C-alpha atoms as a PDB file:
ATOM      1  CA  MET A   1      -0.042  -0.080   0.058  1.00  0.00           C
ATOM      2  CA  LYS A   2       1.309   3.525  -0.669  1.00  0.00           C
ATOM      3  CA  VAL A   3       1.039   5.574   2.514  1.00  0.00           C
ATOM      4  CA  LEU A   4       1.599   9.203   3.050  1.00  0.00           C
ATOM      5  CA  ALA A   5       2.899   9.798   6.771  1.00  0.00           C
ATOM      6  CA  ILE A   6       2.192  13.367   7.762  1.00  0.00           C
ATOM      7  CA  GLY A   7       3.877  14.599  10.978  1.00  0.00           C
ATOM      8  CA  ALA A   8       6.727  11.954  10.709  1.00  0.00           C
ATOM      9  CA  THR A   9       9.307  13.810  12.445  1.00  0.00           C
ATOM     10  CA  GLY A  10       7.224  13.621  15.734  1.00  0.00           C
ATOM     11  CA  ASN A  11       7.618  11.238  18.491  1.00  0.00           C
ATOM     12  CA  THR A  12       4.508   9.332  17.353  1.00  0.00           C
ATOM     13  CA  GLY A  13       5.071   9.977  13.632  1.00  0.00           C
ATOM     14  CA  ARG A  14       8.652   8.588  13.684  1.00  0.00           C
ATOM     15  CA  LEU A  15       7.170   5.309  15.239  1.00  0.00           C
ATOM     16  CA  VAL A  16       4.304   5.107  12.837  1.00  0.00           C
ATOM     17  CA  VAL A  17       6.903   5.519   9.962  1.00  0.00           C
ATOM     18  CA  ASP A  18       9.054   2.614  11.345  1.00  0.00           C
ATOM     19  CA  ARG A  19       6.089   0.252  11.627  1.00  0.00           C
ATOM     20  CA  LEU A  20       4.801   1.237   8.053  1.00  0.00           C
ATOM     21  CA  VAL A  21       8.379   0.404   6.590  1.00  0.00           C
ATOM     22  CA  GLU A  22       8.595  -2.645   8.620  1.00  0.00           C
ATOM     23  CA  GLN A  23       5.452  -3.881   7.071  1.00  0.00           C
ATOM     24  CA  GLY A  24       6.550  -3.428   3.539  1.00  0.00           C
ATOM     25  CA  HIS A  25       4.382  -0.333   2.712  1.00  0.00           C
ATOM     26  CA  GLU A  26       5.688   2.251   0.133  1.00  0.00           C
ATOM     27  CA  VAL A  27       5.845   5.173   2.707  1.00  0.00           C
ATOM     28  CA  THR A  28       6.249   8.825   1.848  1.00  0.00           C
ATOM     29  CA  ALA A  29       7.144  10.984   4.681  1.00  0.00           C
ATOM     30  CA  PHE A  30       5.475  14.574   4.408  1.00  0.00           C
ATOM     31  CA  VAL A  31       7.986  16.849   6.484  1.00  0.00           C
ATOM     32  CA  ARG A  32       9.035  20.489   6.969  1.00  0.00           C
ATOM     33  CA  ARG A  33      12.636  19.769   7.591  1.00  0.00           C
ATOM     34  CA  PRO A  34      13.944  16.427   6.146  1.00  0.00           C
ATOM     35  CA  SER A  35      17.243  16.639   8.042  1.00  0.00           C
ATOM     36  CA  ALA A  36      15.080  15.930  11.112  1.00  0.00           C
ATOM     37  CA  LEU A  37      14.125  12.308  10.038  1.00  0.00           C
ATOM     38  CA  ARG A  38      15.972   9.554  12.039  1.00  0.00           C
ATOM     39  CA  GLN A  39      15.494   6.803   9.272  1.00  0.00           C
ATOM     40  CA  PRO A  40      17.758   6.503   6.460  1.00  0.00           C
ATOM     41  CA  VAL A  41      16.190   8.534   3.375  1.00  0.00           C
ATOM     42  CA  ASP A  42      16.885   5.594   1.276  1.00  0.00           C
ATOM     43  CA  ARG A  43      14.150   3.657   3.383  1.00  0.00           C
ATOM     44  CA  LEU A  44      11.493   5.620   2.308  1.00  0.00           C
ATOM     45  CA  ARG A  45      10.383   8.684  -0.051  1.00  0.00           C
ATOM     46  CA  VAL A  46      10.769  12.094   1.605  1.00  0.00           C
ATOM     47  CA  VAL A  47       8.496  15.048   0.579  1.00  0.00           C
ATOM     48  CA  GLU A  48       9.364  18.571   1.847  1.00  0.00           C
ATOM     49  CA  GLY A  49       6.269  20.815   2.433  1.00  0.00           C
ATOM     50  CA  ASP A  50       4.312  22.726   5.264  1.00  0.00           C
ATOM     51  CA  ALA A  51       0.836  22.093   6.496  1.00  0.00           C
ATOM     52  CA  ARG A  52      -0.244  25.491   5.626  1.00  0.00           C
ATOM     53  CA  ASP A  53       0.694  25.082   1.894  1.00  0.00           C
ATOM     54  CA  ALA A  54      -2.113  23.271   0.257  1.00  0.00           C
ATOM     55  CA  ALA A  55       0.098  22.976  -3.044  1.00  0.00           C
ATOM     56  CA  SER A  56       2.781  21.001  -1.502  1.00  0.00           C
ATOM     57  CA  LEU A  57       0.191  18.961   0.390  1.00  0.00           C
ATOM     58  CA  ASP A  58      -2.034  18.237  -2.692  1.00  0.00           C
ATOM     59  CA  GLY A  59       1.259  16.970  -4.433  1.00  0.00           C
ATOM     60  CA  ALA A  60       2.242  14.826  -1.825  1.00  0.00           C
ATOM     61  CA  VAL A  61      -1.478  12.998  -1.569  1.00  0.00           C
ATOM     62  CA  ALA A  62      -1.458  12.684  -5.348  1.00  0.00           C
ATOM     63  CA  GLY A  63      -0.960   8.827  -5.999  1.00  0.00           C
ATOM     64  CA  GLN A  64      -1.331   7.505  -2.557  1.00  0.00           C
ATOM     65  CA  ASP A  65      -3.651   4.810  -1.353  1.00  0.00           C
ATOM     66  CA  ALA A  66      -3.841   6.102   2.323  1.00  0.00           C
ATOM     67  CA  VAL A  67      -2.778   8.880   4.789  1.00  0.00           C
ATOM     68  CA  VAL A  68      -1.748   8.383   8.454  1.00  0.00           C
ATOM     69  CA  ALA A  69      -1.506  11.817  10.291  1.00  0.00           C
ATOM     70  CA  THR A  70       0.231  12.457  13.483  1.00  0.00           C
ATOM     71  CA  PHE A  71       0.613  16.128  12.976  1.00  0.00           C
ATOM     72  CA  GLY A  72       0.126  18.606  15.593  1.00  0.00           C
ATOM     73  CA  PRO A  73       1.238  22.122  16.590  1.00  0.00           C
ATOM     74  CA  ARG A  74       4.118  22.643  19.080  1.00  0.00           C
ATOM     75  CA  THR A  75       2.643  25.630  20.720  1.00  0.00           C
ATOM     76  CA  LEU A  76      -0.299  26.000  23.399  1.00  0.00           C
ATOM     77  CA  ALA A  77      -0.966  29.640  22.161  1.00  0.00           C
ATOM     78  CA  ARG A  78      -3.944  30.624  19.943  1.00  0.00           C
ATOM     79  CA  THR A  79      -3.424  29.229  16.397  1.00  0.00           C
ATOM     80  CA  ASP A  80      -5.527  28.039  13.377  1.00  0.00           C
ATOM     81  CA  VAL A  81      -2.563  25.474  12.102  1.00  0.00           C
ATOM     82  CA  GLN A  82      -4.679  22.278  12.740  1.00  0.00           C
ATOM     83  CA  GLU A  83      -7.679  23.938  11.108  1.00  0.00           C
ATOM     84  CA  VAL A  84      -5.715  24.963   8.063  1.00  0.00           C
ATOM     85  CA  PHE A  85      -4.023  21.628   7.612  1.00  0.00           C
ATOM     86  CA  MET A  86      -7.013  19.585   7.825  1.00  0.00           C
ATOM     87  CA  ARG A  87      -8.982  21.899   5.531  1.00  0.00           C
ATOM     88  CA  ASN A  88      -6.221  21.356   2.908  1.00  0.00           C
ATOM     89  CA  LEU A  89      -5.839  17.772   3.712  1.00  0.00           C
ATOM     90  CA  VAL A  90      -9.493  16.894   3.246  1.00  0.00           C
ATOM     91  CA  ALA A  91      -9.551  18.891  -0.155  1.00  0.00           C
ATOM     92  CA  ALA A  92      -6.527  17.187  -1.327  1.00  0.00           C
ATOM     93  CA  MET A  93      -7.574  13.628  -0.235  1.00  0.00           C
ATOM     94  CA  GLN A  94     -11.033  14.278  -2.060  1.00  0.00           C
ATOM     95  CA  ARG A  95      -9.667  15.737  -5.320  1.00  0.00           C
ATOM     96  CA  HIS A  96      -7.205  12.781  -5.621  1.00  0.00           C
ATOM     97  CA  ALA A  97      -9.794  10.239  -4.574  1.00  0.00           C
ATOM     98  CA  VAL A  98      -7.545   8.726  -1.811  1.00  0.00           C
ATOM     99  CA  ARG A  99     -10.282   7.825   0.889  1.00  0.00           C
ATOM    100  CA  ARG A 100      -8.707   6.147   4.153  1.00  0.00           C
ATOM    101  CA  LEU A 101      -7.312   8.554   6.650  1.00  0.00           C
ATOM    102  CA  VAL A 102      -6.006   7.481  10.157  1.00  0.00           C
ATOM    103  CA  ASN A 103      -5.833  10.544  12.360  1.00  0.00           C
ATOM    104  CA  LEU A 104      -4.353  11.337  15.459  1.00  0.00           C
ATOM    105  CA  SER A 105      -6.578  13.232  17.803  1.00  0.00           C
ATOM    106  CA  ALA A 106      -7.038  13.306  21.586  1.00  0.00           C
ATOM    107  CA  TRP A 107      -9.494  11.584  24.249  1.00  0.00           C
ATOM    108  CA  GLY A 108     -12.878  13.253  23.955  1.00  0.00           C
ATOM    109  CA  SER A 109     -12.261  15.427  21.016  1.00  0.00           C
ATOM    110  CA  GLY A 110     -15.036  15.089  18.470  1.00  0.00           C
ATOM    111  CA  GLY A 111     -16.141  11.992  19.998  1.00  0.00           C
ATOM    112  CA  ALA A 112     -18.414  10.839  23.176  1.00  0.00           C
ATOM    113  CA  ALA A 113     -15.626   9.549  25.547  1.00  0.00           C
ATOM    114  CA  VAL A 114     -16.126   9.708  29.146  1.00  0.00           C
ATOM    115  CA  PRO A 115     -14.532  12.652  30.956  1.00  0.00           C
ATOM    116  CA  PRO A 116     -10.969  12.205  32.145  1.00  0.00           C
ATOM    117  CA  ASP A 117     -10.524  10.644  35.338  1.00  0.00           C
ATOM    118  CA  SER A 118      -8.039  13.187  36.901  1.00  0.00           C
ATOM    119  CA  LEU A 119      -9.604  16.257  38.268  1.00  0.00           C
ATOM    120  CA  VAL A 120      -6.475  17.925  37.350  1.00  0.00           C
ATOM    121  CA  VAL A 121      -6.922  16.990  33.679  1.00  0.00           C
ATOM    122  CA  ARG A 122     -10.586  17.788  33.712  1.00  0.00           C
ATOM    123  CA  TYR A 123     -10.659  21.167  35.337  1.00  0.00           C
ATOM    124  CA  PHE A 124      -7.238  22.441  34.551  1.00  0.00           C
ATOM    125  CA  LEU A 125      -5.398  20.784  31.787  1.00  0.00           C
ATOM    126  CA  LEU A 126      -8.167  20.793  29.218  1.00  0.00           C
ATOM    127  CA  PRO A 127     -10.174  23.962  29.769  1.00  0.00           C
ATOM    128  CA  ILE A 128      -7.152  26.128  30.655  1.00  0.00           C
ATOM    129  CA  LEU A 129      -3.938  25.034  29.522  1.00  0.00           C
ATOM    130  CA  LEU A 130      -4.968  23.232  26.258  1.00  0.00           C
ATOM    131  CA  ARG A 131      -8.172  25.190  25.481  1.00  0.00           C
ATOM    132  CA  HIS A 132      -6.265  26.895  22.259  1.00  0.00           C
ATOM    133  CA  LEU A 133      -4.753  23.546  21.015  1.00  0.00           C
ATOM    134  CA  LEU A 134      -8.224  21.659  21.413  1.00  0.00           C
ATOM    135  CA  ALA A 135     -10.129  24.409  19.821  1.00  0.00           C
ATOM    136  CA  ASP A 136      -8.072  24.549  16.879  1.00  0.00           C
ATOM    137  CA  LYS A 137      -8.464  20.539  16.638  1.00  0.00           C
ATOM    138  CA  ARG A 138     -12.075  20.700  16.757  1.00  0.00           C
ATOM    139  CA  ARG A 139     -12.327  23.395  14.008  1.00  0.00           C
ATOM    140  CA  GLY A 140     -10.150  21.238  11.951  1.00  0.00           C
ATOM    141  CA  GLU A 141     -12.015  17.841  12.866  1.00  0.00           C
ATOM    142  CA  ALA A 142     -15.309  19.576  11.746  1.00  0.00           C
ATOM    143  CA  HIS A 143     -13.989  19.427   8.159  1.00  0.00           C
ATOM    144  CA  LEU A 144     -12.989  15.943   8.450  1.00  0.00           C
ATOM    145  CA  PHE A 145     -16.342  15.024   9.820  1.00  0.00           C
ATOM    146  CA  ALA A 146     -17.995  16.819   7.017  1.00  0.00           C
ATOM    147  CA  SER A 147     -16.058  15.118   4.373  1.00  0.00           C
ATOM    148  CA  SER A 148     -16.868  11.729   2.705  1.00  0.00           C
ATOM    149  CA  LEU A 149     -13.450  10.202   3.842  1.00  0.00           C
ATOM    150  CA  ASP A 150     -13.060   6.903   5.345  1.00  0.00           C
ATOM    151  CA  TYR A 151     -11.319   8.082   8.370  1.00  0.00           C
ATOM    152  CA  THR A 152     -10.707   6.844  11.644  1.00  0.00           C
ATOM    153  CA  ASN A 153     -10.061   9.486  14.278  1.00  0.00           C
ATOM    154  CA  VAL A 154      -7.722   7.943  16.954  1.00  0.00           C
ATOM    155  CA  CYS A 155      -8.176   9.459  20.588  1.00  0.00           C
ATOM    156  CA  PRO A 156      -5.749   8.646  23.094  1.00  0.00           C
ATOM    157  CA  ALA A 157      -5.733   9.938  26.508  1.00  0.00           C
ATOM    158  CA  LEU A 158      -2.361  10.363  28.196  1.00  0.00           C
ATOM    159  CA  ILE A 159       0.737   9.399  26.053  1.00  0.00           C
ATOM    160  CA  LYS A 160       3.716   7.870  27.757  1.00  0.00           C
ATOM    161  CA  ASP A 161       7.032   7.254  26.431  1.00  0.00           C
ATOM    162  CA  LEU A 162       7.343   3.608  27.958  1.00  0.00           C
ATOM    163  CA  PRO A 163       7.572  -0.011  26.624  1.00  0.00           C
ATOM    164  CA  PRO A 164       4.876  -1.412  24.895  1.00  0.00           C
ATOM    165  CA  ARG A 165       2.050  -3.169  27.156  1.00  0.00           C
ATOM    166  CA  GLY A 166      -0.057  -4.549  24.059  1.00  0.00           C
ATOM    167  CA  GLN A 167      -3.639  -5.487  24.799  1.00  0.00           C
ATOM    168  CA  VAL A 168      -4.798  -2.012  23.582  1.00  0.00           C
ATOM    169  CA  ARG A 169      -8.593  -1.842  24.042  1.00  0.00           C
ATOM    170  CA  ALA A 170     -10.919   0.631  21.727  1.00  0.00           C
ATOM    171  CA  SER A 171     -14.357   1.815  22.254  1.00  0.00           C
ATOM    172  CA  LEU A 172     -16.348   4.815  21.111  1.00  0.00           C
ATOM    173  CA  ASP A 173     -17.072   6.159  24.749  1.00  0.00           C
ATOM    174  CA  GLY A 174     -14.228   5.017  26.402  1.00  0.00           C
ATOM    175  CA  LYS A 175     -15.704   3.254  29.464  1.00  0.00           C
ATOM    176  CA  GLY A 176     -13.929   0.531  31.059  1.00  0.00           C
ATOM    177  CA  LEU A 177     -10.562   2.063  29.809  1.00  0.00           C
ATOM    178  CA  GLU A 178      -7.609   3.245  31.731  1.00  0.00           C
ATOM    179  CA  GLN A 179      -6.765   6.531  30.322  1.00  0.00           C
ATOM    180  CA  VAL A 180      -3.054   5.983  29.388  1.00  0.00           C
ATOM    181  CA  MET A 181      -1.447   4.927  26.087  1.00  0.00           C
ATOM    182  CA  HIS A 182       2.239   3.922  25.448  1.00  0.00           C
ATOM    183  CA  ARG A 183       3.586   5.563  22.448  1.00  0.00           C
ATOM    184  CA  GLU A 184       4.547   2.436  20.754  1.00  0.00           C
ATOM    185  CA  ASP A 185       1.212   0.921  21.214  1.00  0.00           C
ATOM    186  CA  LEU A 186      -0.511   3.854  19.828  1.00  0.00           C
ATOM    187  CA  ALA A 187       1.653   3.824  16.465  1.00  0.00           C
ATOM    188  CA  ARG A 188       1.074   0.110  16.025  1.00  0.00           C
ATOM    189  CA  PHE A 189      -2.560   0.621  16.613  1.00  0.00           C
ATOM    190  CA  MET A 190      -2.678   3.391  14.189  1.00  0.00           C
ATOM    191  CA  VAL A 191      -0.895   1.240  11.475  1.00  0.00           C
ATOM    192  CA  GLU A 192      -3.404  -1.746  12.004  1.00  0.00           C
ATOM    193  CA  GLN A 193      -6.271   0.401  11.223  1.00  0.00           C
ATOM    194  CA  LEU A 194      -5.053   0.553   7.629  1.00  0.00           C
ATOM    195  CA  SER A 195      -6.182  -2.994   7.096  1.00  0.00           C
ATOM    196  CA  SER A 196      -9.343  -2.787   9.304  1.00  0.00           C
ATOM    197  CA  ALA A 197     -12.876  -1.299   8.728  1.00  0.00           C
ATOM    198  CA  GLU A 198     -13.929  -1.642  12.296  1.00  0.00           C
ATOM    199  CA  TRP A 199     -13.708   2.027  13.369  1.00  0.00           C
ATOM    200  CA  VAL A 200     -14.157   3.459   9.771  1.00  0.00           C
ATOM    201  CA  ARG A 201     -15.704   6.902  10.212  1.00  0.00           C
ATOM    202  CA  LYS A 202     -15.571   6.815  14.029  1.00  0.00           C
ATOM    203  CA  CYS A 203     -13.751   8.783  16.673  1.00  0.00           C
ATOM    204  CA  VAL A 204     -12.213   5.821  18.813  1.00  0.00           C
ATOM    205  CA  ALA A 205     -11.060   6.164  22.189  1.00  0.00           C
ATOM    206  CA  ILE A 206      -7.999   3.846  23.092  1.00  0.00           C
ATOM    207  CA  GLY A 207      -6.459   2.767  26.292  1.00  0.00           C
ATOM    208  CA  TYR A 208      -5.842  -0.360  28.170  1.00  0.00           C
ATOM    209  CA  PRO A 209      -8.420  -2.292  30.292  1.00  0.00           C
ATOM    210  CA  SER A 210      -9.123  -1.092  33.802  1.00  0.00           C
ATOM    211  CA  ARG A 211      -8.519  -3.662  36.247  1.00  0.00           C
ATOM    212  CA  GLY A 212     -11.635  -5.647  37.047  1.00  0.00           C
ATOM    213  CA  ARG A 213     -13.679  -4.277  34.176  1.00  0.00           C
ATOM    214  CA  GLU A 214     -13.905  -5.181  30.467  1.00  0.00           C
ATOM    215  CA  ALA A 215     -13.741  -3.078  27.432  1.00  0.00           C
ATOM    216  CA  ARG A 216     -14.177  -3.680  23.778  1.00  0.00           C
END
């Protein structure tokens, strides 16, 4: 499968590219700075571009079979970068008839996931510290949800850089899930969605089974 990886120089994006290459996909990494890639350039095709540049994104999408996006802003200040990015991406994918998109979002964004367990997260982190980031993300996702794309919007809660645990569970509401995700498990789950139709056109909360409770 020809897969465009957006956000390939980020912490999650690097792992996604590793998984895609390991599985034999023809991978194109869409990056702003090619020098930031850890992977040897001869293992994948690299396209330089910017999320705000509709023309460069359009050119990268052309000829692909699917897109995996782990793109996100690197600021907590007010911004519209994710809104612009998603508007450009949706337009490019629809123009070139590339239907499959696996997008990295966040717990509760655009979906019906239960509120975070942590009071600090629920009443400070999300509504205060991350308010601009989440508002931008939701504006961008409005373009995604209104599209005809076969998207899967993957929504982890707290992401940790720890060894993979396996046993990732997913649900629409997040009930019965421990609200944490190890980054390697996140990358593996996202790549697995390329060969699964289970969560197409859904926002899916992912985590680990809470002790004593069952989750799908």
